[in-house]
């Protein structure tokens, strides 16, 4: 029986395992490869849970922001204060201020 169990880094160096080869292996992988696999598993889990991809999320947020901006400008044109606009749209007064500045 061996005196100790070698770490993955030790095995990778001793056997000169390349990053490309590590992608095909299951257990002898570097910390970077393990982190990449974990991140990929998390992405898959989030997609299955119904979370949108970042690009889709950013597009929808941009559309929402533009809709709110138009509504805020319309209400401002009717003479409402920022506080009243915030209450009407269900957002903070600070957010209304930023929307009107754009």
C-alpha atoms as a PDB file:
ATOM      1  CA  UNK A   1       0.000   0.000   0.000  1.00  0.00           C
ATOM      2  CA  UNK A   2       1.212   3.546  -0.766  1.00  0.00           C
ATOM      3  CA  UNK A   3       2.370   5.749   2.091  1.00  0.00           C
ATOM      4  CA  UNK A   4       0.216   8.624   0.871  1.00  0.00           C
ATOM      5  CA  UNK A   5      -2.266   9.509  -1.827  1.00  0.00           C
ATOM      6  CA  UNK A   6      -0.737  11.967  -4.285  1.00  0.00           C
ATOM      7  CA  UNK A   7      -2.583  15.198  -5.001  1.00  0.00           C
ATOM      8  CA  UNK A   8      -3.929  15.913  -8.449  1.00  0.00           C
ATOM      9  CA  UNK A   9      -1.295  18.618  -9.024  1.00  0.00           C
ATOM     10  CA  UNK A  10       1.457  16.102  -8.219  1.00  0.00           C
ATOM     11  CA  UNK A  11       0.023  13.551 -10.637  1.00  0.00           C
ATOM     12  CA  UNK A  12      -0.477  16.167 -13.351  1.00  0.00           C
ATOM     13  CA  UNK A  13       3.159  17.266 -13.086  1.00  0.00           C
ATOM     14  CA  UNK A  14       4.577  13.732 -12.784  1.00  0.00           C
ATOM     15  CA  UNK A  15       2.576  12.401 -15.718  1.00  0.00           C
ATOM     16  CA  UNK A  16       2.816  15.680 -17.686  1.00  0.00           C
ATOM     17  CA  UNK A  17      -0.922  15.779 -18.319  1.00  0.00           C
ATOM     18  CA  UNK A  18      -1.881  18.661 -20.608  1.00  0.00           C
ATOM     19  CA  UNK A  19      -5.017  20.812 -20.131  1.00  0.00           C
ATOM     20  CA  UNK A  20      -6.492  19.227 -23.281  1.00  0.00           C
ATOM     21  CA  UNK A  21      -5.992  15.757 -21.802  1.00  0.00           C
ATOM     22  CA  UNK A  22      -7.479  16.883 -18.473  1.00  0.00           C
ATOM     23  CA  UNK A  23     -10.712  17.810 -20.247  1.00  0.00           C
ATOM     24  CA  UNK A  24     -11.105  14.142 -21.182  1.00  0.00           C
ATOM     25  CA  UNK A  25     -10.332  12.856 -17.666  1.00  0.00           C
ATOM     26  CA  UNK A  26     -12.781  12.575 -14.797  1.00  0.00           C
ATOM     27  CA  UNK A  27     -10.665  12.766 -11.639  1.00  0.00           C
ATOM     28  CA  UNK A  28      -7.108  13.889 -12.326  1.00  0.00           C
ATOM     29  CA  UNK A  29      -7.843  17.519 -13.136  1.00  0.00           C
ATOM     30  CA  UNK A  30      -6.387  20.873 -12.118  1.00  0.00           C
ATOM     31  CA  UNK A  31      -8.191  23.337  -9.888  1.00  0.00           C
ATOM     32  CA  UNK A  32      -8.849  25.528 -12.925  1.00  0.00           C
ATOM     33  CA  UNK A  33     -10.520  22.665 -14.803  1.00  0.00           C
ATOM     34  CA  UNK A  34     -12.546  21.755 -11.702  1.00  0.00           C
ATOM     35  CA  UNK A  35     -13.700  25.373 -11.349  1.00  0.00           C
ATOM     36  CA  UNK A  36     -14.646  25.523 -15.043  1.00  0.00           C
ATOM     37  CA  UNK A  37     -16.657  22.294 -14.748  1.00  0.00           C
ATOM     38  CA  UNK A  38     -18.403  23.573 -11.626  1.00  0.00           C
ATOM     39  CA  UNK A  39     -19.317  26.844 -13.373  1.00  0.00           C
ATOM     40  CA  UNK A  40     -20.668  24.899 -16.354  1.00  0.00           C
ATOM     41  CA  UNK A  41     -22.779  22.664 -14.071  1.00  0.00           C
ATOM     42  CA  UNK A  42     -24.181  25.772 -12.364  1.00  0.00           C
ATOM     43  CA  UNK A  43     -25.033  27.344 -15.741  1.00  0.00           C
ATOM     44  CA  UNK A  44     -26.885  24.172 -16.755  1.00  0.00           C
ATOM     45  CA  UNK A  45     -28.731  24.034 -13.418  1.00  0.00           C
ATOM     46  CA  UNK A  46     -29.810  27.670 -13.743  1.00  0.00           C
ATOM     47  CA  UNK A  47     -31.019  27.155 -17.317  1.00  0.00           C
ATOM     48  CA  UNK A  48     -33.081  24.151 -16.236  1.00  0.00           C
ATOM     49  CA  UNK A  49     -34.542  26.244 -13.412  1.00  0.00           C
ATOM     50  CA  UNK A  50     -35.724  28.762 -16.012  1.00  0.00           C
ATOM     51  CA  UNK A  51     -33.143  31.519 -15.599  1.00  0.00           C
ATOM     52  CA  UNK A  52     -32.467  33.455 -18.783  1.00  0.00           C
ATOM     53  CA  UNK A  53     -28.984  33.755 -20.226  1.00  0.00           C
ATOM     54  CA  UNK A  54     -27.177  36.989 -19.438  1.00  0.00           C
ATOM     55  CA  UNK A  55     -27.580  38.440 -22.932  1.00  0.00           C
ATOM     56  CA  UNK A  56     -31.339  37.794 -22.892  1.00  0.00           C
ATOM     57  CA  UNK A  57     -31.602  39.251 -19.392  1.00  0.00           C
ATOM     58  CA  UNK A  58     -29.740  42.424 -20.388  1.00  0.00           C
ATOM     59  CA  UNK A  59     -31.962  42.864 -23.454  1.00  0.00           C
ATOM     60  CA  UNK A  60     -35.129  42.538 -21.383  1.00  0.00           C
ATOM     61  CA  UNK A  61     -33.799  44.945 -18.743  1.00  0.00           C
ATOM     62  CA  UNK A  62     -32.922  47.496 -21.436  1.00  0.00           C
ATOM     63  CA  UNK A  63     -36.448  47.221 -22.832  1.00  0.00           C
ATOM     64  CA  UNK A  64     -37.971  47.609 -19.355  1.00  0.00           C
ATOM     65  CA  UNK A  65     -35.786  50.636 -18.652  1.00  0.00           C
ATOM     66  CA  UNK A  66     -36.796  52.264 -21.934  1.00  0.00           C
ATOM     67  CA  UNK A  67     -40.490  51.667 -21.189  1.00  0.00           C
ATOM     68  CA  UNK A  68     -40.103  53.205 -17.740  1.00  0.00           C
ATOM     69  CA  UNK A  69     -38.185  56.146 -19.183  1.00  0.00           C
ATOM     70  CA  UNK A  70     -40.961  56.868 -21.687  1.00  0.00           C
ATOM     71  CA  UNK A  71     -43.607  56.595 -18.966  1.00  0.00           C
ATOM     72  CA  UNK A  72     -41.610  58.877 -16.653  1.00  0.00           C
ATOM     73  CA  UNK A  73     -41.159  61.480 -19.396  1.00  0.00           C
ATOM     74  CA  UNK A  74     -44.862  61.328 -20.213  1.00  0.00           C
ATOM     75  CA  UNK A  75     -45.834  61.811 -16.561  1.00  0.00           C
ATOM     76  CA  UNK A  76     -43.262  64.596 -16.198  1.00  0.00           C
ATOM     77  CA  UNK A  77     -44.849  66.277 -19.209  1.00  0.00           C
ATOM     78  CA  UNK A  78     -48.166  66.194 -17.354  1.00  0.00           C
ATOM     79  CA  UNK A  79     -46.528  68.149 -14.536  1.00  0.00           C
ATOM     80  CA  UNK A  80     -46.056  65.386 -11.953  1.00  0.00           C
ATOM     81  CA  UNK A  81     -43.170  65.589  -9.492  1.00  0.00           C
ATOM     82  CA  UNK A  82     -40.449  62.946  -9.375  1.00  0.00           C
ATOM     83  CA  UNK A  83     -41.921  61.619  -6.134  1.00  0.00           C
ATOM     84  CA  UNK A  84     -45.380  61.292  -7.727  1.00  0.00           C
ATOM     85  CA  UNK A  85     -43.889  59.613 -10.804  1.00  0.00           C
ATOM     86  CA  UNK A  86     -42.021  57.168  -8.568  1.00  0.00           C
ATOM     87  CA  UNK A  87     -45.200  56.280  -6.722  1.00  0.00           C
ATOM     88  CA  UNK A  88     -47.104  55.845  -9.994  1.00  0.00           C
ATOM     89  CA  UNK A  89     -44.440  53.586 -11.553  1.00  0.00           C
ATOM     90  CA  UNK A  90     -43.594  51.706  -8.351  1.00  0.00           C
ATOM     91  CA  UNK A  91     -39.924  52.703  -8.345  1.00  0.00           C
ATOM     92  CA  UNK A  92     -37.794  54.993  -6.191  1.00  0.00           C
ATOM     93  CA  UNK A  93     -37.494  58.738  -6.664  1.00  0.00           C
ATOM     94  CA  UNK A  94     -33.747  58.312  -7.268  1.00  0.00           C
ATOM     95  CA  UNK A  95     -34.477  55.906 -10.129  1.00  0.00           C
ATOM     96  CA  UNK A  96     -36.934  58.390 -11.633  1.00  0.00           C
ATOM     97  CA  UNK A  97     -34.247  61.076 -11.438  1.00  0.00           C
ATOM     98  CA  UNK A  98     -31.784  58.846 -13.330  1.00  0.00           C
ATOM     99  CA  UNK A  99     -34.392  57.917 -15.940  1.00  0.00           C
ATOM    100  CA  UNK A 100     -35.193  61.568 -16.608  1.00  0.00           C
ATOM    101  CA  UNK A 101     -31.501  62.470 -16.967  1.00  0.00           C
ATOM    102  CA  UNK A 102     -30.900  59.950 -19.792  1.00  0.00           C
END
